[in-house]
């Protein structure tokens, strides 16, 4: 899976970049055949914003944005949002298979 970590209007440390890649790896294990992931760090008017995009098969895309006082907190919040989206999708899929 291809992972891209980008910083807009700011600089991020190597430690934070590594943390983002680790978070992506953990989330990718929950997804069904992930194709690529993108994590964008942005300093927006003093706030720290992280956008997390996960590309899945058949053109599906999971996107989450979170804002916090630190990039690390924003990254964790965005990752939680993606996890919830994946869990919801999994529950739908499980429900569909039991109905059929």
N, C-alpha and C. Protein backbone atom coordinates (compact mmCIF):
# COMPACT_ATOMS: atom_id res chain seq x y z
N UNK A 1 0.84 -1.18 0.00
CA UNK A 1 0.00 0.00 0.00
C UNK A 1 0.88 1.24 0.00
N UNK A 2 0.49 2.21 -0.76
CA UNK A 2 1.24 3.46 -0.88
C UNK A 2 0.73 4.45 0.17
N UNK A 3 1.66 5.03 0.94
CA UNK A 3 1.31 6.02 1.96
C UNK A 3 2.06 7.32 1.67
N UNK A 4 1.31 8.43 1.69
CA UNK A 4 1.90 9.74 1.47
C UNK A 4 1.60 10.61 2.69
N UNK A 5 2.63 11.22 3.25
CA UNK A 5 2.47 12.14 4.38
C UNK A 5 2.93 13.51 3.90
N UNK A 6 2.02 14.51 3.99
CA UNK A 6 2.28 15.84 3.47
C UNK A 6 2.10 16.89 4.56
N UNK A 7 2.90 17.95 4.51
CA UNK A 7 2.73 19.08 5.42
C UNK A 7 2.48 20.34 4.61
N UNK A 8 1.36 21.00 4.90
CA UNK A 8 1.01 22.26 4.22
C UNK A 8 1.14 23.41 5.20
N UNK A 9 1.79 24.46 4.78
CA UNK A 9 1.91 25.68 5.58
C UNK A 9 2.57 25.44 6.93
N UNK A 10 3.34 24.35 7.04
CA UNK A 10 4.00 24.04 8.31
C UNK A 10 5.12 23.04 8.07
N UNK A 11 5.86 22.79 9.10
CA UNK A 11 6.91 21.77 9.10
C UNK A 11 6.53 20.72 10.14
N UNK A 12 6.77 19.46 9.83
CA UNK A 12 6.52 18.41 10.82
C UNK A 12 7.82 17.65 11.07
N UNK A 13 7.94 17.14 12.27
CA UNK A 13 9.17 16.43 12.64
C UNK A 13 9.16 15.03 12.03
N UNK A 14 10.34 14.45 11.96
CA UNK A 14 10.46 13.08 11.47
C UNK A 14 9.70 12.11 12.38
N UNK A 15 9.69 12.41 13.67
CA UNK A 15 8.98 11.59 14.65
C UNK A 15 7.47 11.58 14.35
N UNK A 16 6.92 12.75 14.03
CA UNK A 16 5.49 12.84 13.71
C UNK A 16 5.18 12.14 12.39
N UNK A 17 6.08 12.27 11.44
CA UNK A 17 5.90 11.59 10.14
C UNK A 17 5.89 10.06 10.35
N UNK A 18 6.80 9.56 11.18
CA UNK A 18 6.86 8.13 11.49
C UNK A 18 5.60 7.69 12.23
N UNK A 19 5.13 8.52 13.14
CA UNK A 19 3.89 8.22 13.89
C UNK A 19 2.72 8.11 12.92
N UNK A 20 2.63 9.03 11.95
CA UNK A 20 1.55 9.00 10.96
C UNK A 20 1.60 7.71 10.15
N UNK A 21 2.79 7.30 9.74
CA UNK A 21 2.94 6.06 8.97
C UNK A 21 2.53 4.84 9.80
N UNK A 22 2.86 4.85 11.09
CA UNK A 22 2.48 3.76 11.99
C UNK A 22 0.96 3.69 12.14
N UNK A 23 0.33 4.84 12.31
CA UNK A 23 -1.13 4.90 12.43
C UNK A 23 -1.78 4.38 11.16
N UNK A 24 -1.26 4.77 10.01
CA UNK A 24 -1.80 4.29 8.73
C UNK A 24 -1.69 2.77 8.63
N UNK A 25 -0.57 2.21 9.03
CA UNK A 25 -0.39 0.76 8.99
C UNK A 25 -1.42 0.04 9.85
N UNK A 26 -1.69 0.57 11.05
CA UNK A 26 -2.67 -0.04 11.94
C UNK A 26 -4.07 0.03 11.34
N UNK A 27 -4.41 1.18 10.76
CA UNK A 27 -5.75 1.34 10.16
C UNK A 27 -5.87 0.45 8.93
N UNK A 28 -4.80 0.32 8.17
CA UNK A 28 -4.84 -0.49 6.95
C UNK A 28 -5.17 -1.95 7.27
N UNK A 29 -4.79 -2.43 8.45
CA UNK A 29 -5.09 -3.80 8.84
C UNK A 29 -6.58 -4.00 9.05
N UNK A 30 -7.30 -2.93 9.38
CA UNK A 30 -8.74 -3.01 9.61
C UNK A 30 -9.53 -2.95 8.30
N UNK A 31 -8.93 -2.35 7.28
CA UNK A 31 -9.62 -2.16 6.00
C UNK A 31 -9.47 -3.40 5.12
N UNK A 32 -10.43 -3.54 4.24
CA UNK A 32 -10.39 -4.64 3.28
C UNK A 32 -9.64 -4.18 2.03
N UNK A 33 -8.45 -4.70 1.85
CA UNK A 33 -7.60 -4.40 0.69
C UNK A 33 -7.40 -2.89 0.43
N UNK A 34 -6.81 -2.17 1.35
CA UNK A 34 -6.57 -0.74 1.11
C UNK A 34 -5.58 -0.53 -0.03
N UNK A 35 -5.82 0.50 -0.82
CA UNK A 35 -4.94 0.78 -1.96
C UNK A 35 -3.88 1.82 -1.63
N UNK A 36 -4.32 2.92 -1.00
CA UNK A 36 -3.37 3.97 -0.65
C UNK A 36 -3.93 4.79 0.50
N UNK A 37 -3.04 5.53 1.13
CA UNK A 37 -3.44 6.41 2.22
C UNK A 37 -2.67 7.73 2.10
N UNK A 38 -3.33 8.80 2.53
CA UNK A 38 -2.70 10.11 2.52
C UNK A 38 -3.03 10.80 3.83
N UNK A 39 -2.01 11.33 4.48
CA UNK A 39 -2.18 12.10 5.71
C UNK A 39 -1.62 13.49 5.44
N UNK A 40 -2.47 14.50 5.64
CA UNK A 40 -2.08 15.88 5.35
C UNK A 40 -2.13 16.68 6.65
N UNK A 41 -1.00 17.24 7.03
CA UNK A 41 -0.90 18.11 8.19
C UNK A 41 -0.97 19.55 7.70
N UNK A 42 -1.79 20.37 8.37
CA UNK A 42 -1.96 21.75 7.94
C UNK A 42 -2.10 22.65 9.17
N UNK A 43 -1.37 23.75 9.17
CA UNK A 43 -1.51 24.75 10.23
C UNK A 43 -2.47 25.81 9.71
N UNK A 44 -3.70 25.80 10.23
CA UNK A 44 -4.75 26.67 9.72
C UNK A 44 -5.13 27.69 10.78
N UNK A 45 -4.69 28.91 10.60
CA UNK A 45 -5.01 30.03 11.51
C UNK A 45 -4.71 29.68 12.97
N UNK A 46 -3.56 29.10 13.20
CA UNK A 46 -3.14 28.76 14.55
C UNK A 46 -3.57 27.40 15.02
N UNK A 47 -4.57 26.81 14.37
CA UNK A 47 -5.02 25.47 14.74
C UNK A 47 -4.25 24.42 13.96
N UNK A 48 -4.14 23.26 14.52
CA UNK A 48 -3.47 22.15 13.85
C UNK A 48 -4.55 21.22 13.27
N UNK A 49 -4.52 21.04 11.96
CA UNK A 49 -5.53 20.25 11.27
C UNK A 49 -4.86 19.06 10.59
N UNK A 50 -5.49 17.90 10.72
CA UNK A 50 -5.00 16.70 10.04
C UNK A 50 -6.15 16.13 9.21
N UNK A 51 -5.85 15.86 7.94
CA UNK A 51 -6.82 15.22 7.06
C UNK A 51 -6.27 13.84 6.70
N UNK A 52 -7.11 12.84 6.85
CA UNK A 52 -6.72 11.45 6.64
C UNK A 52 -7.59 10.90 5.52
N UNK A 53 -6.97 10.42 4.45
CA UNK A 53 -7.71 9.84 3.32
C UNK A 53 -7.24 8.41 3.12
N UNK A 54 -8.21 7.51 3.00
CA UNK A 54 -7.91 6.10 2.78
C UNK A 54 -8.66 5.65 1.54
N UNK A 55 -7.92 5.21 0.54
CA UNK A 55 -8.50 4.76 -0.73
C UNK A 55 -8.67 3.25 -0.69
N UNK A 56 -9.90 2.81 -1.02
CA UNK A 56 -10.25 1.39 -1.00
C UNK A 56 -10.66 0.95 -2.40
N UNK A 57 -10.82 -0.37 -2.60
CA UNK A 57 -11.23 -0.87 -3.92
C UNK A 57 -12.59 -0.33 -4.35
N UNK A 58 -12.85 -0.41 -5.65
CA UNK A 58 -14.09 0.03 -6.28
C UNK A 58 -14.37 1.52 -6.09
N UNK A 59 -13.33 2.30 -6.01
CA UNK A 59 -13.47 3.75 -5.92
C UNK A 59 -13.93 4.28 -4.58
N UNK A 60 -13.98 3.42 -3.57
CA UNK A 60 -14.40 3.89 -2.25
C UNK A 60 -13.29 4.73 -1.62
N UNK A 61 -13.69 5.77 -0.90
CA UNK A 61 -12.74 6.64 -0.24
C UNK A 61 -13.28 6.97 1.15
N UNK A 62 -12.45 6.81 2.14
CA UNK A 62 -12.80 7.19 3.51
C UNK A 62 -11.96 8.43 3.84
N UNK A 63 -12.63 9.49 4.30
CA UNK A 63 -11.94 10.75 4.59
C UNK A 63 -12.36 11.23 5.97
N UNK A 64 -11.38 11.68 6.74
CA UNK A 64 -11.67 12.24 8.06
C UNK A 64 -10.74 13.43 8.30
N UNK A 65 -11.31 14.46 8.89
CA UNK A 65 -10.54 15.66 9.23
C UNK A 65 -10.72 15.94 10.71
N UNK A 66 -9.63 16.33 11.37
CA UNK A 66 -9.71 16.65 12.80
C UNK A 66 -8.80 17.83 13.10
N UNK A 67 -9.23 18.63 14.07
CA UNK A 67 -8.46 19.79 14.49
C UNK A 67 -8.21 19.70 15.99
N UNK A 68 -7.02 20.11 16.41
CA UNK A 68 -6.65 20.06 17.83
C UNK A 68 -5.54 21.07 18.09
N UNK A 69 -5.09 21.12 19.33
CA UNK A 69 -4.00 22.03 19.70
C UNK A 69 -2.65 21.51 19.24
N UNK A 70 -2.55 20.20 19.03
CA UNK A 70 -1.29 19.62 18.56
C UNK A 70 -1.58 18.69 17.38
N UNK A 71 -0.58 18.50 16.53
CA UNK A 71 -0.75 17.62 15.39
C UNK A 71 -0.97 16.17 15.83
N UNK A 72 -0.32 15.77 16.89
CA UNK A 72 -0.46 14.39 17.36
C UNK A 72 -1.90 14.11 17.78
N UNK A 73 -2.50 15.03 18.52
CA UNK A 73 -3.90 14.86 18.94
C UNK A 73 -4.83 14.86 17.74
N UNK A 74 -4.59 15.76 16.80
CA UNK A 74 -5.42 15.83 15.60
C UNK A 74 -5.29 14.54 14.78
N UNK A 75 -4.08 13.99 14.70
CA UNK A 75 -3.86 12.74 13.98
C UNK A 75 -4.65 11.61 14.63
N UNK A 76 -4.59 11.53 15.96
CA UNK A 76 -5.31 10.48 16.68
C UNK A 76 -6.82 10.61 16.48
N UNK A 77 -7.33 11.84 16.50
CA UNK A 77 -8.78 12.05 16.31
C UNK A 77 -9.21 11.67 14.90
N UNK A 78 -8.41 12.05 13.91
CA UNK A 78 -8.74 11.70 12.51
C UNK A 78 -8.70 10.18 12.33
N UNK A 79 -7.73 9.53 12.94
CA UNK A 79 -7.62 8.07 12.84
C UNK A 79 -8.83 7.40 13.48
N UNK A 80 -9.29 7.94 14.61
CA UNK A 80 -10.49 7.39 15.26
C UNK A 80 -11.71 7.52 14.35
N UNK A 81 -11.82 8.63 13.66
CA UNK A 81 -12.94 8.83 12.75
C UNK A 81 -12.91 7.83 11.60
N UNK A 82 -11.72 7.59 11.06
CA UNK A 82 -11.58 6.60 9.98
C UNK A 82 -11.94 5.20 10.51
N UNK A 83 -11.47 4.87 11.73
CA UNK A 83 -11.79 3.58 12.33
C UNK A 83 -13.30 3.39 12.45
N UNK A 84 -13.99 4.44 12.89
CA UNK A 84 -15.45 4.36 13.03
C UNK A 84 -16.11 4.13 11.68
N UNK A 85 -15.62 4.80 10.65
CA UNK A 85 -16.17 4.60 9.31
C UNK A 85 -15.97 3.16 8.85
N UNK A 86 -14.79 2.62 9.09
CA UNK A 86 -14.50 1.24 8.70
C UNK A 86 -15.35 0.24 9.50
N UNK A 87 -15.53 0.51 10.80
CA UNK A 87 -16.36 -0.37 11.63
C UNK A 87 -17.81 -0.35 11.14
N UNK A 88 -18.29 0.83 10.81
CA UNK A 88 -19.66 0.96 10.32
C UNK A 88 -19.84 0.19 9.02
N UNK A 89 -18.87 0.30 8.13
CA UNK A 89 -18.91 -0.41 6.85
C UNK A 89 -18.88 -1.92 7.08
N UNK A 90 -18.08 -2.36 8.04
CA UNK A 90 -17.98 -3.79 8.35
C UNK A 90 -19.31 -4.31 8.90
N UNK A 91 -19.94 -3.54 9.77
CA UNK A 91 -21.24 -3.95 10.33
C UNK A 91 -22.29 -4.05 9.23
N UNK A 92 -22.29 -3.10 8.29
CA UNK A 92 -23.22 -3.14 7.16
C UNK A 92 -22.99 -4.39 6.33
N UNK A 93 -21.74 -4.69 6.07
CA UNK A 93 -21.38 -5.85 5.26
C UNK A 93 -21.81 -7.14 5.96
N UNK A 94 -21.59 -7.22 7.25
CA UNK A 94 -21.97 -8.40 8.01
C UNK A 94 -23.49 -8.55 8.02
N UNK A 95 -24.18 -7.45 8.13
CA UNK A 95 -25.65 -7.48 8.12
C UNK A 95 -26.17 -7.95 6.77
N UNK A 96 -25.57 -7.45 5.71
CA UNK A 96 -25.98 -7.84 4.35
C UNK A 96 -25.78 -9.34 4.14
N UNK A 97 -24.67 -9.88 4.62
CA UNK A 97 -24.39 -11.30 4.41
C UNK A 97 -25.33 -12.19 5.21
N UNK A 98 -25.82 -11.74 6.37
CA UNK A 98 -26.75 -12.55 7.16
C UNK A 98 -28.16 -12.47 6.57
N UNK A 99 -28.49 -11.37 5.91
CA UNK A 99 -29.81 -11.21 5.30
C UNK A 99 -29.94 -12.06 4.04
N UNK A 100 -28.88 -12.18 3.28
CA UNK A 100 -28.92 -12.91 2.02
C UNK A 100 -29.01 -14.34 2.21
